[in-house]
Amino acid sequence: MIVITLGIAVLTPLVTVGVYRVVDRPDQGQADAAPLAWDQRAAWPQNQFVAYKSMERGMMSAARTNEKYKDLGFHVDPGEQARLLDLAHLARRDAADFGSSSTLAELDQAVTQTRGHFYAHFLRAAWHRMNHDLDAAQADRVAAFAAASAALITAPALDGSQTLAFGADQVVDDQLDRSLVLVYPFLDADAAGLIHLPVYKAILRRCDPAVPAGVAEVDEHPRWFTWFGAVGRLPALGESADPTVVGAYRP
């Protein structure tokens, strides 16, 4: 009994630290993860709700490292980031402009230039769906989730809005780059009443999609969130939530 008790006493903090580190490093263990299969989304975790996570160091950690922010290893190539910001600008177009043939030409080019980035495929899927080519939309949606390192699930917003935006902030030389914001327009729920979004496996925050691409929001205390594993779920947008869980926070 003494040996068992000592074993539990030793293992418990180790497990706790291990879980903390996985959540603290949201990209941990994702490199070799199997691609997200869109046709198997019914089997994806449905109850792995996202949780608040700060990118700022605590007072003791900041004093020890002389750094304000935690560099968790998430960095996007500047060339790729510039292309994604162009796509986010495109995603802010109204329905008529977004659904035009010229937009499709831009999206085709973006898929090629980004070597099949999940965001380019996702936007092209939205274009095809708006133009009633459901087979092409399905093919792009499959490609989007296969290329993404993670996915977010949520229910439609209670106010009827069809556009969401999420920032993937990066720490460079202890400076916070908040310019990478991906806009997800003209969203539709599947037969189960859920919206699925391909995202980076990183600490994210919900943003105002009306803010122009490349312009950082000025809120002093961003509501960053993360989740364990490849799939996280946001509470139905607009619902109240526990203060430790990101749900109906306001951009």
Protein backbone atom coordinates (compact mmCIF):
# COMPACT_ATOMS: atom_id res chain seq x y z
CA MET A 1 0.00 0.00 0.00
CA ILE A 2 2.87 2.36 0.81
CA VAL A 3 4.48 1.66 -2.58
CA ILE A 4 1.17 2.23 -4.40
CA THR A 5 0.55 5.46 -2.53
CA LEU A 6 4.04 6.72 -3.32
CA GLY A 7 3.58 5.76 -6.98
CA ILE A 8 0.37 7.74 -7.22
CA ALA A 9 2.00 10.70 -5.49
CA VAL A 10 4.83 10.68 -8.02
CA LEU A 11 2.81 9.99 -11.17
CA THR A 12 -0.01 12.47 -10.57
CA PRO A 13 2.11 15.64 -10.88
CA LEU A 14 3.93 14.16 -13.86
CA VAL A 15 0.66 13.51 -15.68
CA THR A 16 -0.58 16.97 -14.77
CA VAL A 17 2.58 18.60 -16.09
CA GLY A 18 2.37 16.51 -19.28
CA VAL A 19 -1.22 17.55 -19.96
CA TYR A 20 -0.37 21.18 -19.24
CA ARG A 21 2.54 21.11 -21.67
CA VAL A 22 0.41 19.63 -24.46
CA VAL A 23 -2.16 22.39 -24.00
CA ASP A 24 0.55 25.01 -23.57
CA ARG A 25 2.14 23.88 -26.85
CA PRO A 26 -0.96 23.47 -29.04
CA ASP A 27 1.08 22.23 -32.00
CA GLN A 28 2.65 19.44 -29.93
CA GLY A 29 2.16 16.02 -31.46
CA GLN A 30 0.34 17.29 -34.52
CA ALA A 31 3.05 16.79 -37.13
CA ASP A 32 2.38 13.05 -37.44
CA ALA A 33 -1.38 13.19 -36.85
CA ALA A 34 -3.65 11.62 -39.47
CA PRO A 35 -5.29 14.12 -41.84
CA LEU A 36 -8.79 15.24 -40.94
CA ALA A 37 -11.20 13.29 -43.15
CA TRP A 38 -14.27 15.38 -43.97
CA ASP A 39 -16.48 12.36 -44.64
CA GLN A 40 -15.67 11.06 -41.14
CA ARG A 41 -16.55 14.28 -39.30
CA ALA A 42 -19.42 12.58 -37.45
CA ALA A 43 -16.74 10.67 -35.54
CA TRP A 44 -14.74 13.78 -34.65
CA PRO A 45 -14.82 14.78 -30.97
CA GLN A 46 -18.01 16.73 -30.32
CA ASN A 47 -17.42 17.81 -26.73
CA GLN A 48 -13.77 18.96 -26.62
CA PHE A 49 -14.69 22.54 -25.75
CA VAL A 50 -12.07 25.22 -26.08
CA ALA A 51 -10.57 26.85 -23.01
CA TYR A 52 -9.10 30.28 -22.29
CA LYS A 53 -5.33 30.48 -22.56
CA SER A 54 -3.10 33.53 -22.23
CA MET A 55 -0.05 34.12 -24.43
CA GLU A 56 1.33 36.53 -21.85
CA ARG A 57 3.75 35.25 -19.25
CA GLY A 58 2.87 35.47 -15.59
CA MET A 59 4.73 37.90 -13.36
CA MET A 60 7.21 35.32 -12.07
CA SER A 61 7.86 33.86 -15.51
CA ALA A 62 8.29 37.31 -17.07
CA ALA A 63 10.75 38.30 -14.34
CA ARG A 64 12.72 35.09 -14.84
CA THR A 65 12.88 35.21 -18.66
CA ASN A 66 12.71 38.98 -19.20
CA GLU A 67 10.00 38.28 -21.80
CA LYS A 68 6.38 39.40 -21.88
CA TYR A 69 5.00 36.73 -24.22
CA LYS A 70 5.36 32.98 -24.64
CA ASP A 71 6.77 32.00 -28.01
CA LEU A 72 4.96 28.68 -28.47
CA GLY A 73 6.59 27.92 -31.79
CA PHE A 74 3.75 28.96 -34.11
CA HIS A 75 5.21 30.95 -37.01
CA VAL A 76 3.92 31.43 -40.55
CA ASP A 77 6.27 32.16 -43.43
CA PRO A 78 5.97 35.89 -44.29
CA GLY A 79 5.26 35.14 -47.95
CA GLU A 80 2.50 32.71 -47.04
CA GLN A 81 1.08 35.17 -44.51
CA ALA A 82 0.91 37.92 -47.15
CA ARG A 83 -1.01 35.58 -49.45
CA LEU A 84 -3.40 34.60 -46.67
CA LEU A 85 -4.07 38.26 -45.89
CA ASP A 86 -4.94 38.78 -49.57
CA LEU A 87 -7.39 35.89 -49.29
CA ALA A 88 -8.87 37.32 -46.09
CA HIS A 89 -9.45 40.60 -47.93
CA LEU A 90 -11.19 38.66 -50.68
CA ALA A 91 -13.32 36.85 -48.07
CA ARG A 92 -14.67 40.21 -46.86
CA ARG A 93 -16.35 40.92 -50.21
CA ASP A 94 -20.13 41.01 -50.36
CA ALA A 95 -21.99 38.03 -51.81
CA ALA A 96 -22.24 39.40 -55.33
CA ASP A 97 -18.55 40.20 -55.59
CA PHE A 98 -17.42 37.04 -53.86
CA GLY A 99 -19.55 34.88 -56.14
CA SER A 100 -18.22 36.42 -59.35
CA SER A 101 -16.13 34.60 -61.97
CA SER A 102 -13.19 36.92 -61.29
CA THR A 103 -13.12 35.76 -57.67
CA LEU A 104 -12.97 32.14 -58.79
CA ALA A 105 -9.96 32.98 -60.97
CA GLU A 106 -8.25 34.51 -57.92
CA LEU A 107 -9.08 31.50 -55.78
CA ASP A 108 -7.77 29.07 -58.42
CA GLN A 109 -4.53 31.02 -58.47
CA ALA A 110 -4.37 31.09 -54.66
CA VAL A 111 -4.80 27.32 -54.38
CA THR A 112 -1.84 26.89 -56.72
CA GLN A 113 0.34 29.60 -55.19
CA THR A 114 -0.21 28.37 -51.64
CA ARG A 115 0.30 24.73 -52.68
CA GLY A 116 -3.18 23.76 -51.55
CA HIS A 117 -3.43 25.72 -48.31
CA PHE A 118 -6.55 24.82 -46.31
CA TYR A 119 -7.80 28.41 -46.32
CA ALA A 120 -7.65 28.74 -50.11
CA HIS A 121 -9.51 25.45 -50.53
CA PHE A 122 -12.11 26.45 -47.93
CA LEU A 123 -12.86 29.75 -49.65
CA ARG A 124 -13.09 28.08 -53.05
CA ALA A 125 -15.50 25.55 -51.57
CA ALA A 126 -17.66 28.46 -50.41
CA TRP A 127 -17.53 29.95 -53.92
CA HIS A 128 -18.63 26.67 -55.54
CA ARG A 129 -21.44 26.23 -53.02
CA MET A 130 -22.72 29.75 -53.69
CA ASN A 131 -22.69 28.93 -57.40
CA HIS A 132 -24.50 25.62 -56.88
CA ASP A 133 -21.63 23.34 -57.91
CA LEU A 134 -21.93 21.02 -54.95
CA ASP A 135 -19.53 18.37 -56.26
CA ALA A 136 -16.73 20.91 -56.67
CA ALA A 137 -17.56 22.39 -53.26
CA GLN A 138 -17.31 18.94 -51.69
CA ALA A 139 -13.94 18.27 -53.33
CA ASP A 140 -12.51 21.55 -52.03
CA ARG A 141 -13.92 21.01 -48.57
CA VAL A 142 -12.34 17.56 -48.40
CA ALA A 143 -9.02 19.07 -49.50
CA ALA A 144 -9.31 21.92 -46.98
CA PHE A 145 -9.67 19.68 -43.94
CA ALA A 146 -7.06 17.21 -45.19
CA ALA A 147 -4.58 20.11 -45.41
CA ALA A 148 -5.49 21.68 -42.05
CA SER A 149 -3.77 20.75 -38.81
CA ALA A 150 -6.96 21.27 -36.82
CA ALA A 151 -10.66 22.08 -36.99
CA LEU A 152 -13.17 24.08 -34.97
CA ILE A 153 -16.80 23.08 -34.60
CA THR A 154 -19.62 25.39 -33.56
CA ALA A 155 -23.34 25.92 -33.99
CA PRO A 156 -24.68 28.80 -36.10
CA ALA A 157 -24.70 32.21 -34.47
CA LEU A 158 -27.97 33.08 -32.75
CA ASP A 159 -28.01 36.46 -34.48
CA GLY A 160 -28.02 34.80 -37.90
CA SER A 161 -24.61 36.10 -38.99
CA GLN A 162 -22.78 33.89 -41.49
CA THR A 163 -19.22 35.14 -41.16
CA LEU A 164 -16.61 34.35 -38.52
CA ALA A 165 -13.00 35.43 -38.16
CA PHE A 166 -10.15 34.04 -36.06
CA GLY A 167 -6.71 35.43 -35.39
CA ALA A 168 -3.63 33.23 -35.16
CA ASP A 169 -1.20 35.44 -33.25
CA GLN A 170 2.57 34.96 -33.44
CA VAL A 171 5.35 35.99 -31.08
CA VAL A 172 8.50 37.28 -32.80
CA ASP A 173 11.35 38.67 -30.69
CA ASP A 174 8.92 39.10 -27.79
CA GLN A 175 6.62 41.21 -29.98
CA LEU A 176 3.07 40.13 -30.68
CA ASP A 177 2.11 39.97 -34.37
CA ARG A 178 -1.69 40.03 -34.45
CA SER A 179 -2.14 40.66 -38.16
CA LEU A 180 -2.93 37.11 -39.30
CA VAL A 181 -6.73 36.96 -39.21
CA LEU A 182 -8.61 34.42 -41.33
CA VAL A 183 -12.18 35.29 -42.31
CA TYR A 184 -14.69 32.50 -42.93
CA PRO A 185 -17.62 33.90 -44.93
CA PHE A 186 -21.04 32.61 -46.00
CA LEU A 187 -21.02 29.71 -43.55
CA ASP A 188 -23.53 26.91 -43.66
CA ALA A 189 -24.32 24.19 -41.16
CA ASP A 190 -24.31 20.51 -42.10
CA ALA A 191 -27.17 18.08 -41.58
CA ALA A 192 -26.24 17.82 -37.90
CA GLY A 193 -26.61 21.60 -37.48
CA LEU A 194 -22.89 22.22 -37.04
CA ILE A 195 -20.36 24.51 -38.72
CA HIS A 196 -16.87 23.09 -39.33
CA LEU A 197 -13.85 25.32 -39.90
CA PRO A 198 -10.32 24.25 -40.89
CA VAL A 199 -7.81 26.16 -38.76
CA TYR A 200 -4.23 26.23 -37.60
CA LYS A 201 -3.45 24.15 -34.53
CA ALA A 202 -2.48 27.19 -32.51
CA ILE A 203 -3.76 29.49 -29.81
CA LEU A 204 -6.51 31.46 -31.55
CA ARG A 205 -8.86 34.33 -30.78
CA ARG A 206 -12.17 35.35 -32.26
CA CYS A 207 -11.99 38.59 -34.25
CA ASP A 208 -14.28 41.12 -35.86
CA PRO A 209 -14.46 40.18 -39.57
CA ALA A 210 -15.24 43.80 -40.46
CA VAL A 211 -11.74 44.96 -39.46
CA PRO A 212 -9.65 45.29 -42.67
CA ALA A 213 -7.08 42.64 -43.46
CA GLY A 214 -3.70 43.31 -41.85
CA VAL A 215 -5.10 45.77 -39.30
CA ALA A 216 -4.75 44.58 -35.72
CA GLU A 217 -7.61 45.08 -33.27
CA VAL A 218 -6.82 47.22 -30.28
CA ASP A 219 -8.42 45.31 -27.40
CA GLU A 220 -5.99 45.23 -24.50
CA HIS A 221 -6.89 41.76 -23.27
CA PRO A 222 -7.40 39.35 -26.18
CA ARG A 223 -9.56 36.32 -25.49
CA TRP A 224 -7.13 33.65 -26.65
CA PHE A 225 -8.24 30.05 -26.57
CA THR A 226 -6.92 26.59 -27.29
CA TRP A 227 -8.04 22.99 -27.09
CA PHE A 228 -6.62 19.51 -26.71
CA GLY A 229 -6.26 17.38 -29.84
CA ALA A 230 -7.05 18.21 -33.45
CA VAL A 231 -10.71 19.19 -33.03
CA GLY A 232 -12.08 21.81 -30.67
CA ARG A 233 -15.63 22.99 -30.17
CA LEU A 234 -16.88 26.49 -29.49
CA PRO A 235 -20.17 26.85 -27.60
CA ALA A 236 -23.00 28.05 -29.83
CA LEU A 237 -22.06 31.57 -30.79
CA GLY A 238 -24.09 34.07 -28.79
CA GLU A 239 -24.72 31.79 -25.82
CA SER A 240 -23.45 32.65 -22.37
CA ALA A 241 -20.61 30.51 -21.15
CA ASP A 242 -18.53 29.74 -18.11
CA PRO A 243 -15.90 32.51 -17.79
CA THR A 244 -13.12 29.93 -18.17
CA VAL A 245 -14.49 28.81 -21.53
CA VAL A 246 -14.45 30.86 -24.71
CA GLY A 247 -17.91 31.07 -26.18
CA ALA A 248 -19.89 34.23 -26.42
CA TYR A 249 -17.03 36.63 -25.93
CA ARG A 250 -17.35 39.87 -27.83
CA PRO A 251 -14.73 40.97 -30.37
